Each structure stands twice: as structure tokens, then as C-alpha cells.
C-alpha atoms as a PDB file:
ATOM      1  CA  MET A   1       0.000   0.000   0.000  1.00  0.00           C
ATOM      2  CA  GLU A   2       2.858   2.314  -0.449  1.00  0.00           C
ATOM      3  CA  LYS A   3       2.534   5.001  -3.102  1.00  0.00           C
ATOM      4  CA  THR A   4       5.209   5.104  -5.671  1.00  0.00           C
ATOM      5  CA  SER A   5       6.513   8.296  -7.170  1.00  0.00           C
ATOM      6  CA  LEU A   6       4.711   7.480 -10.433  1.00  0.00           C
ATOM      7  CA  GLU A   7       1.274   7.688  -8.808  1.00  0.00           C
ATOM      8  CA  ILE A   8       1.388  11.458  -8.246  1.00  0.00           C
ATOM      9  CA  ASN A   9      -1.827  13.203  -9.245  1.00  0.00           C
ATOM     10  CA  PRO A  10      -1.014  15.739 -12.072  1.00  0.00           C
ATOM     11  CA  PRO A  11      -3.898  18.200 -11.453  1.00  0.00           C
ATOM     12  CA  ASN A  12      -2.736  18.772  -7.876  1.00  0.00           C
ATOM     13  CA  THR A  13       0.746  19.663  -9.069  1.00  0.00           C
ATOM     14  CA  ASP A  14      -0.667  22.145 -11.597  1.00  0.00           C
ATOM     15  CA  GLU A  15      -2.717  23.785  -8.873  1.00  0.00           C
ATOM     16  CA  GLU A  16       0.287  23.861  -6.583  1.00  0.00           C
ATOM     17  CA  ARG A  17       2.381  25.466  -9.334  1.00  0.00           C
ATOM     18  CA  LYS A  18      -0.284  28.110  -9.922  1.00  0.00           C
ATOM     19  CA  LEU A  19      -0.471  28.866  -6.228  1.00  0.00           C
ATOM     20  CA  TYR A  20       3.310  29.044  -6.031  1.00  0.00           C
ATOM     21  CA  VAL A  21       3.436  31.481  -8.966  1.00  0.00           C
ATOM     22  CA  VAL A  22       0.704  33.657  -7.476  1.00  0.00           C
ATOM     23  CA  ASP A  23       2.400  33.673  -4.072  1.00  0.00           C
ATOM     24  CA  SER A  24       5.718  34.550  -5.685  1.00  0.00           C
ATOM     25  CA  LEU A  25       4.145  37.431  -7.598  1.00  0.00           C
ATOM     26  CA  ASN A  26       2.463  38.697  -4.453  1.00  0.00           C
ATOM     27  CA  ASN A  27       5.756  38.550  -2.564  1.00  0.00           C
ATOM     28  CA  LEU A  28       7.527  40.422  -5.350  1.00  0.00           C
ATOM     29  CA  ASN A  29       4.829  43.082  -5.389  1.00  0.00           C
ATOM     30  CA  LYS A  30       5.116  43.483  -1.635  1.00  0.00           C
ATOM     31  CA  LEU A  31       8.854  44.021  -1.985  1.00  0.00           C
ATOM     32  CA  ASN A  32       8.307  46.493  -4.851  1.00  0.00           C
ATOM     33  CA  VAL A  33      10.659  44.459  -6.987  1.00  0.00           C
ATOM     34  CA  CYS A  34       8.032  43.534  -9.543  1.00  0.00           C
ATOM     35  CA  PRO A  35       6.492  46.524 -11.388  1.00  0.00           C
ATOM     36  CA  ASP A  36       2.732  46.876 -11.703  1.00  0.00           C
ATOM     37  CA  ASP A  37       2.863  45.940 -15.398  1.00  0.00           C
ATOM     38  CA  PHE A  38       3.502  42.292 -14.558  1.00  0.00           C
ATOM     39  CA  GLN A  39       0.495  42.137 -12.266  1.00  0.00           C
ATOM     40  CA  ARG A  40      -1.897  43.893 -14.675  1.00  0.00           C
ATOM     41  CA  PRO A  41      -2.202  41.112 -17.256  1.00  0.00           C
ATOM     42  CA  LEU A  42      -3.341  38.707 -14.552  1.00  0.00           C
ATOM     43  CA  ASP A  43      -5.842  41.239 -13.212  1.00  0.00           C
ATOM     44  CA  GLU A  44      -7.095  42.146 -16.697  1.00  0.00           C
ATOM     45  CA  GLU A  45      -7.504  38.492 -17.571  1.00  0.00           C
ATOM     46  CA  VAL A  46      -9.690  37.965 -14.531  1.00  0.00           C
ATOM     47  CA  GLU A  47     -11.678  41.146 -15.216  1.00  0.00           C
ATOM     48  CA  SER A  48     -12.069  40.497 -18.952  1.00  0.00           C
ATOM     49  CA  THR A  49     -13.532  37.073 -18.353  1.00  0.00           C
ATOM     50  CA  GLY A  50     -15.926  38.558 -15.842  1.00  0.00           C
ATOM     51  CA  GLY A  51     -15.891  35.318 -13.932  1.00  0.00           C
ATOM     52  CA  THR A  52     -17.947  33.658 -16.671  1.00  0.00           C
ATOM     53  CA  GLY A  53     -15.104  32.690 -18.940  1.00  0.00           C
ATOM     54  CA  GLU A  54     -16.291  35.027 -21.724  1.00  0.00           C
ATOM     55  CA  ASN A  55     -13.950  37.584 -23.203  1.00  0.00           C
ATOM     56  CA  MET A  56     -15.295  41.136 -23.071  1.00  0.00           C
ATOM     57  CA  THR A  57     -13.517  42.516 -26.137  1.00  0.00           C
ATOM     58  CA  GLY A  58     -16.727  44.323 -27.124  1.00  0.00           C
ATOM     59  CA  ASN A  59     -16.239  46.828 -24.309  1.00  0.00           C
ATOM     60  CA  LYS A  60     -12.638  47.388 -25.325  1.00  0.00           C
ATOM     61  CA  THR A  61     -13.667  47.967 -28.946  1.00  0.00           C
ATOM     62  CA  ARG A  62     -16.480  50.271 -27.865  1.00  0.00           C
ATOM     63  CA  ASN A  63     -14.098  52.275 -25.671  1.00  0.00           C
ATOM     64  CA  GLN A  64     -11.637  52.572 -28.545  1.00  0.00           C
ATOM     65  CA  CYS A  65     -14.457  53.768 -30.788  1.00  0.00           C
ATOM     66  CA  TYR A  66     -15.496  56.414 -28.235  1.00  0.00           C
ATOM     67  CA  PHE A  67     -11.897  57.498 -27.881  1.00  0.00           C
ATOM     68  CA  PHE A  68     -11.511  57.769 -31.654  1.00  0.00           C
ATOM     69  CA  ILE A  69     -14.724  59.823 -31.968  1.00  0.00           C
ATOM     70  CA  ALA A  70     -13.629  62.114 -29.129  1.00  0.00           C
ATOM     71  CA  PHE A  71     -10.220  62.500 -30.758  1.00  0.00           C
ATOM     72  CA  ILE A  72     -11.778  63.421 -34.124  1.00  0.00           C
ATOM     73  CA  LEU A  73     -14.140  65.922 -32.464  1.00  0.00           C
ATOM     74  CA  THR A  74     -11.221  67.471 -30.604  1.00  0.00           C
ATOM     75  CA  LEU A  75      -9.296  67.837 -33.851  1.00  0.00           C
ATOM     76  CA  ILE A  76     -12.284  69.474 -35.558  1.00  0.00           C
ATOM     77  CA  VAL A  77     -12.799  71.931 -32.694  1.00  0.00           C
ATOM     78  CA  SER A  78      -9.078  72.730 -32.648  1.00  0.00           C
ATOM     79  CA  LEU A  79      -9.115  73.344 -36.395  1.00  0.00           C
ATOM     80  CA  ALA A  80     -12.115  75.659 -36.028  1.00  0.00           C
ATOM     81  CA  VAL A  81     -10.422  77.639 -33.249  1.00  0.00           C
ATOM     82  CA  VAL A  82      -7.182  77.967 -35.215  1.00  0.00           C
ATOM     83  CA  SER A  83      -9.109  79.082 -38.311  1.00  0.00           C
ATOM     84  CA  PHE A  84     -10.964  81.694 -36.266  1.00  0.00           C
ATOM     85  CA  VAL A  85      -7.706  82.996 -34.787  1.00  0.00           C
ATOM     86  CA  ILE A  86      -6.154  83.260 -38.253  1.00  0.00           C
ATOM     87  CA  PHE A  87      -9.261  85.119 -39.472  1.00  0.00           C
ATOM     88  CA  LEU A  88      -8.976  87.564 -36.556  1.00  0.00           C
ATOM     89  CA  ILE A  89      -5.277  88.124 -37.247  1.00  0.00           C
ATOM     90  CA  ILE A  90      -6.004  88.917 -40.894  1.00  0.00           C
ATOM     91  CA  GLN A  91      -8.859  91.265 -39.973  1.00  0.00           C
ATOM     92  CA  THR A  92      -6.686  93.054 -37.415  1.00  0.00           C
ATOM     93  CA  ARG A  93      -3.933  93.426 -39.976  1.00  0.00           C
ATOM     94  CA  ASN A  94      -6.369  94.936 -42.494  1.00  0.00           C
ATOM     95  CA  LYS A  95      -7.691  97.396 -39.893  1.00  0.00           C
ATOM     96  CA  MET A  96      -4.148  98.395 -38.934  1.00  0.00           C
ATOM     97  CA  ASP A  97      -3.331  99.013 -42.606  1.00  0.00           C
ATOM     98  CA  GLN A  98      -6.418 101.198 -42.935  1.00  0.00           C
ATOM     99  CA  ILE A  99      -5.549 103.178 -39.807  1.00  0.00           C
ATOM    100  CA  SER A 100      -1.951 103.682 -40.903  1.00  0.00           C
ATOM    101  CA  SER A 101      -3.066 104.892 -44.352  1.00  0.00           C
ATOM    102  CA  ARG A 102      -5.489 107.336 -42.674  1.00  0.00           C
ATOM    103  CA  LEU A 103      -2.721 108.611 -40.416  1.00  0.00           C
ATOM    104  CA  ILE A 104      -0.444 109.157 -43.406  1.00  0.00           C
ATOM    105  CA  SER A 105      -3.154 111.061 -45.269  1.00  0.00           C
ATOM    106  CA  GLU A 106      -3.971 113.132 -42.162  1.00  0.00           C
ATOM    107  CA  ARG A 107      -0.279 113.926 -41.725  1.00  0.00           C
ATOM    108  CA  LYS A 108      -0.185 115.194 -45.307  1.00  0.00           C
ATOM    109  CA  ASN A 109      -3.304 117.308 -44.654  1.00  0.00           C
ATOM    110  CA  ILE A 110      -1.762 118.751 -41.479  1.00  0.00           C
ATOM    111  CA  GLU A 111       1.439 119.640 -43.353  1.00  0.00           C
ATOM    112  CA  GLU A 112      -0.615 121.368 -46.076  1.00  0.00           C
ATOM    113  CA  LEU A 113      -2.548 123.291 -43.414  1.00  0.00           C
ATOM    114  CA  LYS A 114       0.726 124.390 -41.808  1.00  0.00           C
ATOM    115  CA  LYS A 115       1.971 125.666 -45.171  1.00  0.00           C
ATOM    116  CA  MET A 116      -1.284 127.531 -45.753  1.00  0.00           C
ATOM    117  CA  ASN A 117      -1.088 129.005 -42.235  1.00  0.00           C
ATOM    118  CA  ASN A 118       2.477 130.194 -42.878  1.00  0.00           C
ATOM    119  CA  ILE A 119       1.406 131.775 -46.192  1.00  0.00           C
ATOM    120  CA  ILE A 120      -1.506 133.555 -44.482  1.00  0.00           C
ATOM    121  CA  LEU A 121       0.744 134.796 -41.660  1.00  0.00           C
ATOM    122  CA  LYS A 122       3.275 136.111 -44.180  1.00  0.00           C
ATOM    123  CA  TYR A 123       0.533 137.882 -46.100  1.00  0.00           C
ATOM    124  CA  LEU A 124      -0.890 139.411 -42.922  1.00  0.00           C
ATOM    125  CA  ASN A 125       2.571 140.507 -41.781  1.00  0.00           C
ATOM    126  CA  GLN A 126       3.271 142.098 -45.162  1.00  0.00           C
ATOM    127  CA  SER A 127      -0.109 143.828 -45.366  1.00  0.00           C
ATOM    128  CA  GLY A 128       0.212 145.069 -41.783  1.00  0.00           C
ATOM    129  CA  MET A 129       3.539 146.720 -42.538  1.00  0.00           C
ATOM    130  CA  LYS A 130       2.242 148.624 -45.519  1.00  0.00           C
ATOM    131  CA  GLU A 131      -0.574 150.225 -43.547  1.00  0.00           C
END
């Protein structure tokens, strides 16, 4: 009635190996030797099966779709804002050009008025001396 080494039950060894691996990973995580990335695949595998053994790739695809739609909408809004800013810059530039041309024309008018004022003063000074 002695058990030989050949009569070892294989499923028990597989379970023991799994438990050993899980314990080792837990010990490594406690020591902060093992980064979180090694623990995530095990956690995600458990979460993705949902305890029923089914893979929930539909949620992942749906989340990617929502992310893609949000990304496209963000790009469109950004493009609209940049276009509006460029439009405002062009409009401001046109207004500045108009104002500068008005200032130049007003400067010319002021110079002409100064010349006319000098001519009038000279005429008045000359006519005042003759009287």
C-alpha cells in the first residue's frame, strides 16, 4: 500500500504550481521588486472574463471607438479655433493698414494746413507793414 513516485496526481501539481506562482508574484509586489505591469495582465484576464469565462472585447472595442470619436471631435474643434484665430489676425492686420493709411493722409493734410497758415501769416505781416 505504499505510493510510488509514479502515482502522483497531475492536477494537484498544476494547482500547486499556480499557487506558487501567485504567491511569488504577491511577494515580489510586496517588496516592490516587480512593477505593476507584470500584475496587470493577470488582473485584466480575470476582469475580462468577468468570472464567466467570456472575453469582453466588445467593451474594449467600444471604448476605442469612443476614444476615436472624441479625438476626431477634438481635432475638428481645434481646427475651427485655429481658423478663427487666423481670421482675426487677418482682420486686425487689415484694420491696422487702414488706420496707418489714414494717419499718413492726415499727416499730409496737417502739413498742407501748416503751409497755408504760414502763407496767411506772411501775407498778414506784409499787409500790416504797408498800412
